[in-house]
């Protein structure tokens, strides 16, 4: 049996595609902000463009989950990569032309946001298809490490592109990264058996029923949503505090870079540890985000705040692969995209709440109040999930068995690359040809 996910051709394709597309995406935010403000001189215009991407993503995520479960997740991911490639290339050409149109840029952002709503729920089904149960924690940790590295390198690459060639080339790079990701997905082979045709409402209801049936899952989603809201508070108020009280803009840069390093470290740690109670361990790690919020509220000396951010983001880096592995192993393959879409929906919807409330509270009571409130809330809610029986028991013998249902009867997808298919067809001298062994990958039939 394969003992490392990198020995699996299908996983190597996924890893390469995810890393490349993440690097391209990490270049865009800085380039977009500079391009729009240069063209319009208005922060409201930038907010409009960002909103055009966020709104359709939030509205269509549950539908994207249904599509990811009904159809071949590889085909869905490939199609959305191509759509996003075209959208980013169009923006890049607009900017390179020297006369960008705000409506065109906003429309391209809306197209990209719509495509991402269908792409995001396919991530877990593809990992399940490519990697057997025993190797998924390692695989998810590798994905987290690779994408974290790409996110760390992206802003630096964006700076080089923006100030040497212009922001338009950042969008061209992002479009090329999605094109390459789509090309890698064409080599992936996924055996997908769709269920019976049903109404959209029934599919959405079934996915929500899977979410509600596990107390460890929906209570953790609340905690994760609170974390995203608290993160928005820090991102909104932190830059000004760093600039005025902690030594200048360089402190904020150091804090964000320390967070990226912590995220990588947490992913590496998750790949080596196998906690007996993974959901509890992940949520407790997430509670560490109260540290940088409190450090900025006091405020503490700059090195302390930077170290607190690194520790907090290490907690997130640890949670991500552990959480994804638990979800991929516990939920039926036929509902995984829908379940994941609800996870993303709550996480993304909570962030705008923090962006809106943080400046209002800071204007009314000063920035210390919202920062301390966010610190207390994220610590209390994330650590408070320990009071939920399912969170405490998950991973022990007392854990409840999976809830049977129609979706569990669907065979999970299985990914294979061309080389593995050729090996399966190969017959040794003196042996009869045998049908492919569908259990070889470790994925349950």
Protein backbone atom coordinates (compact mmCIF):
# COMPACT_ATOMS: atom_id res chain seq x y z
CA UNK A 1 0.00 0.00 0.00
CA UNK A 2 1.20 3.53 -0.81
CA UNK A 3 2.53 5.20 2.34
CA UNK A 4 2.74 8.81 1.18
CA UNK A 5 0.23 10.89 -0.80
CA UNK A 6 2.93 12.23 -3.12
CA UNK A 7 3.26 8.71 -4.54
CA UNK A 8 -0.28 9.06 -5.88
CA UNK A 9 -0.39 10.54 -9.37
CA UNK A 10 -3.87 11.98 -8.90
CA UNK A 11 -2.85 13.82 -5.74
CA UNK A 12 0.26 15.22 -7.39
CA UNK A 13 -1.94 16.74 -10.08
CA UNK A 14 -4.27 18.24 -7.48
CA UNK A 15 -1.38 19.62 -5.45
CA UNK A 16 0.29 21.23 -8.45
CA UNK A 17 -2.96 22.74 -9.73
CA UNK A 18 -4.00 24.11 -6.33
CA UNK A 19 -0.57 25.61 -5.68
CA UNK A 20 -0.38 27.34 -9.05
CA UNK A 21 -3.89 28.79 -8.90
CA UNK A 22 -3.40 29.94 -5.29
CA UNK A 23 -0.20 31.75 -6.25
CA UNK A 24 -2.03 33.52 -9.05
CA UNK A 25 -4.88 34.49 -6.75
CA UNK A 26 -2.47 35.76 -4.07
CA UNK A 27 -1.03 38.23 -6.57
CA UNK A 28 -4.38 39.81 -7.44
CA UNK A 29 -5.62 41.63 -4.27
CA UNK A 30 -2.79 44.15 -4.13
CA UNK A 31 -2.83 44.61 -7.90
CA UNK A 32 -6.60 45.10 -7.92
CA UNK A 33 -6.49 47.71 -5.16
CA UNK A 34 -3.75 49.69 -6.93
CA UNK A 35 -5.35 49.39 -10.38
CA UNK A 36 -8.83 50.51 -9.31
CA UNK A 37 -7.65 53.38 -7.12
CA UNK A 38 -5.29 54.57 -9.87
CA UNK A 39 -8.09 54.51 -12.42
CA UNK A 40 -10.84 56.06 -10.29
CA UNK A 41 -9.19 57.64 -7.26
CA UNK A 42 -12.03 56.30 -5.14
CA UNK A 43 -12.10 53.67 -2.42
CA UNK A 44 -15.84 53.32 -3.07
CA UNK A 45 -15.03 51.98 -6.54
CA UNK A 46 -12.78 49.34 -5.02
CA UNK A 47 -15.55 48.38 -2.58
CA UNK A 48 -17.93 48.04 -5.54
CA UNK A 49 -15.57 45.70 -7.40
CA UNK A 50 -14.98 43.58 -4.30
CA UNK A 51 -18.71 43.45 -3.61
CA UNK A 52 -19.40 42.27 -7.16
CA UNK A 53 -17.21 39.25 -6.46
CA UNK A 54 -18.47 38.57 -2.93
CA UNK A 55 -22.25 38.81 -3.41
CA UNK A 56 -22.69 36.16 -6.14
CA UNK A 57 -20.23 33.91 -4.32
CA UNK A 58 -22.32 34.01 -1.16
CA UNK A 59 -25.63 33.61 -2.94
CA UNK A 60 -24.57 30.72 -5.14
CA UNK A 61 -22.39 28.66 -2.80
CA UNK A 62 -25.21 26.26 -1.80
CA UNK A 63 -26.09 25.78 -5.48
CA UNK A 64 -22.42 25.15 -6.19
CA UNK A 65 -22.48 22.42 -3.55
CA UNK A 66 -25.42 20.74 -5.26
CA UNK A 67 -23.64 20.88 -8.63
CA UNK A 68 -20.46 19.46 -7.10
CA UNK A 69 -22.38 16.46 -5.76
CA UNK A 70 -24.54 15.86 -8.83
CA UNK A 71 -21.83 16.05 -11.45
CA UNK A 72 -18.22 15.01 -11.90
CA UNK A 73 -16.30 17.31 -9.50
CA UNK A 74 -13.28 17.24 -11.79
CA UNK A 75 -15.35 18.57 -14.70
CA UNK A 76 -16.91 21.26 -12.50
CA UNK A 77 -13.50 22.40 -11.22
CA UNK A 78 -12.00 22.35 -14.72
CA UNK A 79 -14.85 24.43 -16.15
CA UNK A 80 -14.70 27.01 -13.38
CA UNK A 81 -10.93 27.31 -13.78
CA UNK A 82 -11.39 28.13 -17.46
CA UNK A 83 -14.13 30.66 -16.69
CA UNK A 84 -11.96 32.40 -14.11
CA UNK A 85 -9.00 32.34 -16.50
CA UNK A 86 -11.01 34.21 -19.14
CA UNK A 87 -12.34 36.71 -16.58
CA UNK A 88 -8.88 37.53 -15.22
CA UNK A 89 -7.33 37.76 -18.67
CA UNK A 90 -10.05 40.22 -19.70
CA UNK A 91 -9.26 42.44 -16.71
CA UNK A 92 -5.55 42.17 -17.46
CA UNK A 93 -6.06 43.26 -21.07
CA UNK A 94 -8.24 46.17 -19.94
CA UNK A 95 -5.50 47.37 -17.61
CA UNK A 96 -2.73 46.85 -20.15
CA UNK A 97 -4.71 48.92 -22.63
CA UNK A 98 -4.36 51.92 -20.34
CA UNK A 99 -8.05 52.85 -20.20
CA UNK A 100 -9.78 50.37 -17.88
CA UNK A 101 -13.55 50.54 -17.64
CA UNK A 102 -14.91 50.19 -14.10
CA UNK A 103 -18.11 48.41 -15.29
CA UNK A 104 -16.00 45.90 -17.22
CA UNK A 105 -13.74 45.22 -14.24
CA UNK A 106 -16.78 44.89 -11.95
CA UNK A 107 -18.47 42.50 -14.40
CA UNK A 108 -15.35 40.35 -14.62
CA UNK A 109 -15.19 40.26 -10.82
CA UNK A 110 -18.82 39.11 -10.70
CA UNK A 111 -18.07 36.33 -13.20
CA UNK A 112 -15.05 35.25 -11.16
CA UNK A 113 -17.07 35.30 -7.94
CA UNK A 114 -19.81 33.21 -9.53
CA UNK A 115 -17.30 30.65 -10.80
CA UNK A 116 -15.62 30.40 -7.40
CA UNK A 117 -18.99 29.57 -5.80
CA UNK A 118 -19.04 26.40 -7.92
CA UNK A 119 -15.31 25.68 -7.62
CA UNK A 120 -14.85 25.86 -3.85
CA UNK A 121 -17.16 22.94 -2.93
CA UNK A 122 -15.30 20.60 -5.31
CA UNK A 123 -12.03 20.71 -3.33
CA UNK A 124 -12.91 18.04 -0.75
CA UNK A 125 -14.60 15.62 -3.20
CA UNK A 126 -11.47 15.68 -5.36
CA UNK A 127 -9.22 14.93 -2.37
CA UNK A 128 -11.50 12.06 -1.38
CA UNK A 129 -11.33 10.75 -4.93
CA UNK A 130 -7.56 10.93 -5.14
CA UNK A 131 -6.38 9.94 -1.65
CA UNK A 132 -7.30 6.95 0.57
CA UNK A 133 -8.50 7.50 4.13
CA UNK A 134 -5.22 6.72 5.86
CA UNK A 135 -3.29 9.35 3.91
CA UNK A 136 -5.78 12.21 3.88
CA UNK A 137 -4.41 14.08 6.87
CA UNK A 138 -0.96 14.10 5.28
CA UNK A 139 -2.48 15.11 1.96
CA UNK A 140 -4.48 17.97 3.44
CA UNK A 141 -1.43 19.14 5.40
CA UNK A 142 0.63 19.14 2.20
CA UNK A 143 -2.08 21.12 0.42
CA UNK A 144 -2.15 23.60 3.30
CA UNK A 145 1.63 23.95 3.27
CA UNK A 146 1.84 24.41 -0.48
CA UNK A 147 -1.01 26.92 -0.71
CA UNK A 148 0.31 28.74 2.37
CA UNK A 149 3.68 29.10 0.68
CA UNK A 150 1.97 30.44 -2.42
CA UNK A 151 0.01 32.94 -0.35
CA UNK A 152 3.22 34.05 1.33
CA UNK A 153 5.02 34.56 -1.99
CA UNK A 154 2.06 36.12 -3.79
CA UNK A 155 2.15 39.65 -2.32
CA UNK A 156 5.90 39.94 -2.95
CA UNK A 157 5.42 38.84 -6.55
CA UNK A 158 2.54 41.30 -6.88
CA UNK A 159 4.79 44.14 -5.75
CA UNK A 160 7.40 43.25 -8.35
CA UNK A 161 4.82 43.04 -11.15
CA UNK A 162 2.91 46.18 -10.20
CA UNK A 163 5.95 48.43 -9.91
CA UNK A 164 7.90 47.06 -12.87
CA UNK A 165 5.41 45.89 -15.51
CA UNK A 166 2.08 47.26 -14.23
CA UNK A 167 -0.91 45.74 -12.40
CA UNK A 168 -2.37 44.33 -15.61
CA UNK A 169 0.31 41.64 -15.72
CA UNK A 170 -0.75 40.40 -12.29
CA UNK A 171 -4.18 39.56 -13.74
CA UNK A 172 -2.58 37.97 -16.80
CA UNK A 173 -0.52 35.79 -14.44
CA UNK A 174 -3.65 34.80 -12.52
CA UNK A 175 -5.44 33.91 -15.74
CA UNK A 176 -2.47 31.81 -16.83
CA UNK A 177 -2.43 30.04 -13.45
CA UNK A 178 -6.08 29.03 -13.84
CA UNK A 179 -5.38 27.82 -17.38
CA UNK A 180 -2.52 25.65 -16.14
CA UNK A 181 -4.68 24.33 -13.30
CA UNK A 182 -7.38 23.36 -15.81
CA UNK A 183 -4.76 21.62 -17.98
CA UNK A 184 -3.61 19.55 -15.00
CA UNK A 185 -7.20 18.58 -14.21
CA UNK A 186 -7.65 17.21 -17.74
CA UNK A 187 -5.16 14.46 -16.81
CA UNK A 188 -7.09 13.49 -13.69
CA UNK A 189 -9.50 10.57 -14.00
CA UNK A 190 -12.49 10.46 -11.67
CA UNK A 191 -15.04 7.64 -11.59
CA UNK A 192 -18.25 9.40 -10.63
CA UNK A 193 -21.66 7.74 -10.24
CA UNK A 194 -24.37 10.42 -9.97
CA UNK A 195 -27.48 9.76 -7.94
CA UNK A 196 -31.04 9.89 -9.13
CA UNK A 197 -32.18 13.25 -10.57
CA UNK A 198 -33.89 15.28 -7.86
CA UNK A 199 -35.06 18.82 -7.31
CA UNK A 200 -32.66 21.53 -6.23
CA UNK A 201 -34.67 22.08 -3.06
CA UNK A 202 -34.46 18.41 -2.10
CA UNK A 203 -30.69 18.36 -2.64
CA UNK A 204 -30.22 21.49 -0.56
CA UNK A 205 -32.43 20.09 2.18
CA UNK A 206 -30.53 16.80 2.26
CA UNK A 207 -27.21 18.61 2.55
CA UNK A 208 -28.51 20.75 5.40
CA UNK A 209 -29.87 17.64 7.13
CA UNK A 210 -26.39 16.12 7.05
CA UNK A 211 -25.03 19.30 8.67
CA UNK A 212 -27.66 19.34 11.41
CA UNK A 213 -27.30 15.64 12.19
CA UNK A 214 -23.83 16.13 13.70
CA UNK A 215 -23.62 18.39 16.72
CA UNK A 216 -19.82 18.55 16.46
CA UNK A 217 -20.13 19.94 12.94
CA UNK A 218 -22.72 22.69 13.19
CA UNK A 219 -21.44 23.96 16.55
CA UNK A 220 -17.92 24.09 15.14
CA UNK A 221 -19.21 26.02 12.13
CA UNK A 222 -20.56 28.67 14.50
CA UNK A 223 -17.13 28.91 16.13
CA UNK A 224 -15.43 29.14 12.73
CA UNK A 225 -17.81 31.90 11.70
CA UNK A 226 -17.00 33.84 14.87
CA UNK A 227 -13.30 33.42 14.08
CA UNK A 228 -13.80 34.96 10.63
CA UNK A 229 -15.75 37.85 12.11
CA UNK A 230 -12.98 38.46 14.66
CA UNK A 231 -10.38 38.28 11.91
CA UNK A 232 -12.26 41.01 10.03
CA UNK A 233 -12.11 43.20 13.16
CA UNK A 234 -8.34 42.79 13.36
CA UNK A 235 -7.85 43.43 9.63
CA UNK A 236 -9.99 46.57 9.83
CA UNK A 237 -8.50 48.19 12.95
CA UNK A 238 -5.02 46.65 13.04
CA UNK A 239 -3.24 48.65 10.30
CA UNK A 240 -4.00 52.03 11.88
CA UNK A 241 -3.00 50.86 15.37
CA UNK A 242 0.27 49.46 14.01
CA UNK A 243 1.00 52.68 12.14
CA UNK A 244 0.22 55.05 15.03
CA UNK A 245 1.17 53.13 18.18
CA UNK A 246 3.49 50.26 17.28
CA UNK A 247 6.18 51.90 15.20
CA UNK A 248 4.70 52.43 11.74
CA UNK A 249 3.49 50.56 8.67
CA UNK A 250 6.44 48.18 8.86
CA UNK A 251 4.97 46.66 12.00
CA UNK A 252 1.80 45.75 10.16
CA UNK A 253 3.80 44.21 7.33
CA UNK A 254 5.80 42.19 9.88
CA UNK A 255 2.59 41.11 11.59
CA UNK A 256 0.99 39.87 8.38
CA UNK A 257 4.16 38.06 7.30
CA UNK A 258 4.46 36.45 10.73
CA UNK A 259 0.89 35.26 10.34
CA UNK A 260 1.73 33.66 7.00
CA UNK A 261 4.74 31.91 8.53
CA UNK A 262 2.59 30.71 11.44
CA UNK A 263 0.01 29.36 8.99
CA UNK A 264 2.70 27.30 7.29
CA UNK A 265 4.05 26.04 10.60
CA UNK A 266 0.59 24.98 11.74
CA UNK A 267 0.04 23.01 8.52
CA UNK A 268 3.36 21.22 8.97
CA UNK A 269 2.53 20.36 12.59
CA UNK A 270 -0.88 19.00 11.56
CA UNK A 271 0.76 16.64 9.10
CA UNK A 272 2.85 15.08 11.88
CA UNK A 273 0.37 14.96 14.75
CA UNK A 274 -2.70 12.76 14.92
CA UNK A 275 -4.74 14.11 17.83
CA UNK A 276 -7.07 11.60 19.50
CA UNK A 277 -9.82 14.22 19.55
CA UNK A 278 -9.22 16.13 16.30
CA UNK A 279 -12.29 18.39 16.37
CA UNK A 280 -11.63 19.49 19.94
CA UNK A 281 -7.92 20.04 19.28
CA UNK A 282 -8.65 22.08 16.15
CA UNK A 283 -11.20 24.33 17.85
CA UNK A 284 -8.91 24.93 20.83
CA UNK A 285 -6.13 25.88 18.42
CA UNK A 286 -8.52 28.33 16.77
CA UNK A 287 -9.21 29.99 20.14
CA UNK A 288 -5.62 31.29 20.07
CA UNK A 289 -6.81 34.10 17.81
CA UNK A 290 -7.77 36.03 20.93
CA UNK A 291 -4.03 36.65 21.53
CA UNK A 292 -3.28 39.15 18.72
CA UNK A 293 -6.64 40.89 19.23
CA UNK A 294 -5.80 41.46 22.90
CA UNK A 295 -2.21 42.43 22.03
CA UNK A 296 -3.43 45.19 19.71
CA UNK A 297 -6.06 46.36 22.19
CA UNK A 298 -3.57 46.98 25.04
CA UNK A 299 -1.41 47.62 22.93
CA UNK A 300 1.64 45.48 23.68
CA UNK A 301 5.12 46.14 22.23
CA UNK A 302 5.38 45.38 18.53
CA UNK A 303 7.41 42.14 18.88
CA UNK A 304 4.79 40.73 21.24
CA UNK A 305 1.96 41.54 18.83
CA UNK A 306 3.89 40.01 15.93
CA UNK A 307 4.58 36.83 17.93
CA UNK A 308 0.92 36.63 19.01
CA UNK A 309 -0.21 36.78 15.39
CA UNK A 310 2.22 34.02 14.41
CA UNK A 311 0.91 31.75 17.19
CA UNK A 312 -2.72 32.50 16.34
CA UNK A 313 -2.28 31.76 12.64
CA UNK A 314 -0.40 28.57 13.50
CA UNK A 315 -3.62 27.55 15.23
CA UNK A 316 -5.53 28.17 12.00
CA UNK A 317 -2.88 26.31 10.00
CA UNK A 318 -3.29 23.34 12.34
CA UNK A 319 -7.09 23.40 12.20
CA UNK A 320 -7.47 23.53 8.42
CA UNK A 321 -6.04 20.12 7.42
CA UNK A 322 -7.38 18.42 10.56
CA UNK A 323 -10.88 19.78 9.94
CA UNK A 324 -10.88 18.91 6.24
CA UNK A 325 -9.74 15.38 6.98
CA UNK A 326 -12.47 14.83 9.58
CA UNK A 327 -15.16 16.14 7.24
CA UNK A 328 -13.91 14.07 4.31
CA UNK A 329 -13.92 10.91 6.40
CA UNK A 330 -17.22 11.40 8.22
CA UNK A 331 -19.67 12.63 5.58
CA UNK A 332 -20.96 10.47 2.73
CA UNK A 333 -19.19 11.17 -0.55
CA UNK A 334 -22.50 12.05 -2.23
CA UNK A 335 -23.10 15.00 0.13
CA UNK A 336 -19.56 16.26 0.64
CA UNK A 337 -19.72 19.21 -1.76
CA UNK A 338 -22.99 20.45 -0.26
CA UNK A 339 -21.73 20.12 3.29
CA UNK A 340 -18.55 21.98 2.34
CA UNK A 341 -20.56 24.74 0.67
CA UNK A 342 -22.45 25.42 3.91
CA UNK A 343 -19.11 25.60 5.72
CA UNK A 344 -17.81 28.19 3.25
CA UNK A 345 -21.08 30.11 3.31
CA UNK A 346 -21.02 30.66 7.06
CA UNK A 347 -17.33 31.53 7.06
CA UNK A 348 -17.58 34.06 4.24
CA UNK A 349 -20.82 35.62 5.49
CA UNK A 350 -19.36 36.30 8.95
CA UNK A 351 -16.45 38.39 7.67
CA UNK A 352 -18.51 41.33 6.30
CA UNK A 353 -20.20 41.60 9.71
CA UNK A 354 -16.80 42.27 11.28
CA UNK A 355 -15.85 44.73 8.55
CA UNK A 356 -19.04 46.74 9.14
CA UNK A 357 -19.25 46.62 12.94
CA UNK A 358 -15.56 47.19 13.79
CA UNK A 359 -15.28 50.80 12.54
CA UNK A 360 -18.71 51.71 13.93
CA UNK A 361 -17.80 50.41 17.39
CA UNK A 362 -14.37 52.07 17.22
CA UNK A 363 -15.96 55.44 16.40
CA UNK A 364 -18.40 55.10 19.28
CA UNK A 365 -16.15 53.68 22.05
CA UNK A 366 -12.60 53.61 20.75
CA UNK A 367 -10.77 50.74 19.07
CA UNK A 368 -9.98 48.94 22.35
CA UNK A 369 -13.62 47.97 22.92
CA UNK A 370 -14.23 46.09 19.63
CA UNK A 371 -10.80 44.44 19.80
CA UNK A 372 -11.30 43.16 23.36
CA UNK A 373 -14.88 42.14 22.59
CA UNK A 374 -13.71 40.17 19.55
CA UNK A 375 -10.87 38.61 21.57
CA UNK A 376 -13.22 37.49 24.32
CA UNK A 377 -15.87 36.22 21.91
CA UNK A 378 -13.56 34.17 19.70
CA UNK A 379 -11.82 32.63 22.71
CA UNK A 380 -15.08 31.84 24.49
CA UNK A 381 -16.92 30.39 21.50
CA UNK A 382 -14.05 28.34 20.04
CA UNK A 383 -12.96 26.94 23.39
CA UNK A 384 -16.60 26.63 24.46
CA UNK A 385 -17.21 23.96 21.82
CA UNK A 386 -15.54 21.62 24.33
CA UNK A 387 -18.89 21.63 26.15
CA UNK A 388 -20.53 19.90 23.16
CA UNK A 389 -20.51 16.09 23.61
CA UNK A 390 -19.88 15.42 19.92
CA UNK A 391 -16.85 17.72 19.88
CA UNK A 392 -15.33 16.09 22.96
CA UNK A 393 -16.00 12.55 21.86
CA UNK A 394 -15.17 12.72 18.17
CA UNK A 395 -12.27 10.42 17.52
CA UNK A 396 -12.93 8.22 20.56
CA UNK A 397 -14.92 5.00 20.80
CA UNK A 398 -17.89 6.94 22.08
CA UNK A 399 -18.23 8.74 18.76
CA UNK A 400 -21.56 8.19 17.10
CA UNK A 401 -21.53 6.16 13.90
CA UNK A 402 -22.28 7.78 10.60
CA UNK A 403 -25.90 8.44 9.91
CA UNK A 404 -27.06 6.14 7.11
CA UNK A 405 -29.03 7.66 4.31
CA UNK A 406 -29.63 7.51 0.58
CA UNK A 407 -26.44 9.44 -0.13
CA UNK A 408 -24.31 6.79 1.54
CA UNK A 409 -25.33 4.34 -1.12
CA UNK A 410 -23.58 6.33 -3.82
CA UNK A 411 -20.09 5.04 -4.52
CA UNK A 412 -17.47 7.73 -3.95
CA UNK A 413 -15.51 9.16 -6.81
CA UNK A 414 -12.07 7.76 -7.45
CA UNK A 415 -9.25 9.62 -9.17
CA UNK A 416 -6.61 7.99 -11.27
CA UNK A 417 -3.95 9.36 -13.56
CA UNK A 418 -3.05 7.91 -16.95
CA UNK A 419 -0.02 6.04 -15.63
CA UNK A 420 -2.07 4.20 -13.00
CA UNK A 421 -4.62 3.19 -15.64
CA UNK A 422 -1.87 1.78 -17.83
CA UNK A 423 -0.45 -0.23 -14.91
CA UNK A 424 -3.88 -1.68 -14.20
CA UNK A 425 -4.19 -2.88 -17.80
CA UNK A 426 -0.73 -4.48 -17.77
CA UNK A 427 -0.82 -8.32 -17.54
CA UNK A 428 2.16 -10.30 -16.38
CA UNK A 429 3.19 -13.41 -18.33
CA UNK A 430 1.15 -16.41 -17.32
CA UNK A 431 -1.58 -14.39 -15.61
CA UNK A 432 -5.12 -13.73 -16.70
CA UNK A 433 -6.28 -10.19 -17.12
CA UNK A 434 -8.26 -9.10 -14.09
CA UNK A 435 -10.68 -6.23 -13.77
CA UNK A 436 -9.33 -3.11 -12.03
CA UNK A 437 -9.25 -3.38 -8.24
CA UNK A 438 -11.55 -0.61 -7.05
CA UNK A 439 -10.42 -0.95 -3.44
CA UNK A 440 -6.71 -0.49 -4.14
CA UNK A 441 -6.79 3.25 -3.53
CA UNK A 442 -8.11 2.74 0.00
CA UNK A 443 -11.38 4.50 -0.79
CA UNK A 444 -14.37 2.60 0.50
CA UNK A 445 -16.56 1.04 -2.26
